[in-house]
Amino acid sequence: MGKFFEIEMKVRDYECDSQGIVNNANYLHYFENTRHEFLLYIGLSFADAHQKGIDSVITHVELDYKYSLRGDDVFISFLMIERKGAKVIFHQSIRRKIDNKICCKGKIEAVILINGKLSRGNYYDSLMKDYFIK
């Protein structure tokens, strides 16, 4: 197994619906924020990569909702990465900090385009290698 990247976040009131639980679409935002923070952590910037003609594009998302987060909940968002051909697959999960209860699991697939053309994505491999599921 590779290493997990993790980041702590807190639910903001405006992310909750009238039932007081986090609206389902916000989990996509949490997962995206985790991926962006991970890339910055390993020394990558979307803006810098784009200037070099390298773009990461999401192609598929699967989410399983397990337990609802509520306003002011603090949670930990985790990710690991798998490589399958040209795909980079982010295995992500969100756990409530107070009791480690899993709230959502996600599998997010991305491909790397170089100058608009599908690539193997080797540009990222050396930076992400410690986080690849082996």
Protein backbone atom coordinates (compact mmCIF):
# COMPACT_ATOMS: atom_id res chain seq x y z
CA MET A 1 0.00 0.00 0.00
CA GLY A 2 1.09 3.56 -0.61
CA LYS A 3 0.89 6.42 1.83
CA PHE A 4 -2.29 8.31 2.59
CA PHE A 5 -2.49 12.05 2.19
CA GLU A 6 -4.90 13.64 4.64
CA ILE A 7 -6.28 17.07 5.38
CA GLU A 8 -8.56 18.31 8.14
CA MET A 9 -11.59 20.43 7.24
CA LYS A 10 -14.73 21.75 8.93
CA VAL A 11 -18.31 21.84 7.66
CA ARG A 12 -19.55 25.37 7.09
CA ASP A 13 -23.19 26.25 7.79
CA TYR A 14 -23.97 27.21 4.19
CA GLU A 15 -23.00 23.68 3.05
CA CYS A 16 -25.96 22.20 4.91
CA ASP A 17 -29.48 21.72 3.60
CA SER A 18 -32.75 22.42 5.42
CA GLN A 19 -32.36 19.12 7.31
CA GLY A 20 -29.10 20.36 8.83
CA ILE A 21 -26.94 17.82 6.98
CA VAL A 22 -24.27 18.44 4.38
CA ASN A 23 -25.74 18.61 0.90
CA ASN A 24 -24.49 15.64 -1.11
CA ALA A 25 -22.81 17.80 -3.78
CA ASN A 26 -20.45 19.28 -1.19
CA TYR A 27 -18.64 15.98 -0.81
CA LEU A 28 -17.41 16.47 -4.39
CA HIS A 29 -16.06 19.87 -3.32
CA TYR A 30 -14.32 18.35 -0.29
CA PHE A 31 -12.72 15.66 -2.44
CA GLU A 32 -11.64 18.20 -5.05
CA ASN A 33 -10.12 20.45 -2.39
CA THR A 34 -8.23 17.44 -1.02
CA ARG A 35 -6.80 16.63 -4.46
CA HIS A 36 -5.74 20.25 -5.02
CA GLU A 37 -4.08 20.46 -1.59
CA PHE A 38 -2.34 17.15 -2.26
CA LEU A 39 -0.94 18.43 -5.56
CA LEU A 40 0.34 21.58 -3.85
CA TYR A 41 1.82 19.42 -1.06
CA ILE A 42 3.86 17.38 -3.57
CA GLY A 43 4.95 20.50 -5.43
CA LEU A 44 2.44 20.67 -8.30
CA SER A 45 0.23 23.57 -9.24
CA PHE A 46 -2.67 23.25 -11.69
CA ALA A 47 -1.91 26.75 -12.98
CA ASP A 48 1.80 26.03 -13.53
CA ALA A 49 1.07 22.67 -15.18
CA HIS A 50 -1.52 24.29 -17.46
CA GLN A 51 1.05 26.89 -18.54
CA LYS A 52 3.22 23.93 -19.63
CA GLY A 53 0.29 22.42 -21.57
CA ILE A 54 -0.38 19.71 -18.98
CA ASP A 55 -3.95 19.31 -17.72
CA SER A 56 -5.58 16.79 -15.43
CA VAL A 57 -9.20 16.07 -16.40
CA ILE A 58 -11.75 14.15 -14.33
CA THR A 59 -13.44 11.44 -16.42
CA HIS A 60 -15.46 9.42 -13.89
CA VAL A 61 -16.73 9.78 -10.32
CA GLU A 62 -18.29 7.21 -7.97
CA LEU A 63 -19.46 8.19 -4.49
CA ASP A 64 -20.88 6.08 -1.68
CA TYR A 65 -22.54 8.05 1.11
CA LYS A 66 -22.29 6.28 4.46
CA TYR A 67 -23.05 8.80 7.23
CA SER A 68 -24.10 12.43 7.02
CA LEU A 69 -21.87 15.23 8.18
CA ARG A 70 -23.62 18.12 9.96
CA GLY A 71 -22.83 21.77 10.53
CA ASP A 72 -19.57 22.42 12.40
CA ASP A 73 -18.44 18.78 12.14
CA VAL A 74 -14.68 18.49 11.77
CA PHE A 75 -13.58 15.77 9.39
CA ILE A 76 -10.48 14.28 7.83
CA SER A 77 -10.35 13.80 4.07
CA PHE A 78 -7.97 11.06 2.86
CA LEU A 79 -6.64 10.02 -0.51
CA MET A 80 -4.48 7.36 -2.09
CA ILE A 81 -3.73 6.92 -5.77
CA GLU A 82 -3.85 4.02 -8.17
CA ARG A 83 -2.44 3.93 -11.68
CA LYS A 84 -4.29 1.96 -14.40
CA GLY A 85 -2.92 2.61 -17.87
CA ALA A 86 -3.46 6.28 -18.67
CA LYS A 87 -5.83 6.72 -15.71
CA VAL A 88 -4.92 8.14 -12.35
CA ILE A 89 -7.50 6.88 -9.86
CA PHE A 90 -7.96 8.74 -6.59
CA HIS A 91 -9.39 6.59 -3.79
CA GLN A 92 -10.79 9.08 -1.33
CA SER A 93 -12.71 8.96 1.92
CA ILE A 94 -14.05 11.34 4.52
CA ARG A 95 -14.17 10.42 8.21
CA ARG A 96 -15.69 12.42 11.00
CA LYS A 97 -12.88 13.37 13.38
CA ILE A 98 -14.73 12.93 16.67
CA ASP A 99 -15.42 9.21 16.18
CA ASN A 100 -13.62 8.23 12.93
CA LYS A 101 -17.00 7.33 11.39
CA ILE A 102 -16.77 7.04 7.63
CA CYS A 103 -19.09 9.53 5.93
CA CYS A 104 -18.31 9.15 2.25
CA LYS A 105 -16.07 7.08 -0.02
CA GLY A 106 -15.14 8.12 -3.53
CA LYS A 107 -13.35 6.79 -6.56
CA ILE A 108 -12.37 9.61 -8.88
CA GLU A 109 -10.70 8.85 -12.22
CA ALA A 110 -8.62 11.36 -14.14
CA VAL A 111 -6.51 11.41 -17.26
CA ILE A 112 -3.62 13.67 -18.16
CA LEU A 113 -3.69 15.70 -21.36
CA ILE A 114 -0.54 17.20 -22.81
CA ASN A 115 -1.28 19.97 -25.27
CA GLY A 116 -4.83 18.62 -25.51
CA LYS A 117 -3.83 15.02 -26.27
CA LEU A 118 -4.21 12.01 -24.01
CA SER A 119 -0.94 11.04 -22.38
CA ARG A 120 0.30 8.33 -20.05
CA GLY A 121 0.73 11.08 -17.47
CA ASN A 122 4.32 10.25 -16.57
CA TYR A 123 4.85 13.92 -15.66
CA TYR A 124 3.11 13.28 -12.31
CA ASP A 125 4.42 9.78 -11.59
CA SER A 126 7.71 10.67 -9.91
CA LEU A 127 5.99 13.18 -7.63
CA MET A 128 3.09 10.87 -6.72
CA LYS A 129 5.00 7.59 -6.48
CA ASP A 130 4.88 7.31 -2.68
CA TYR A 131 1.08 7.52 -2.76
CA PHE A 132 0.43 4.88 -5.42
CA ILE A 133 -1.34 1.75 -4.24
CA LYS A 134 1.12 -1.05 -4.86
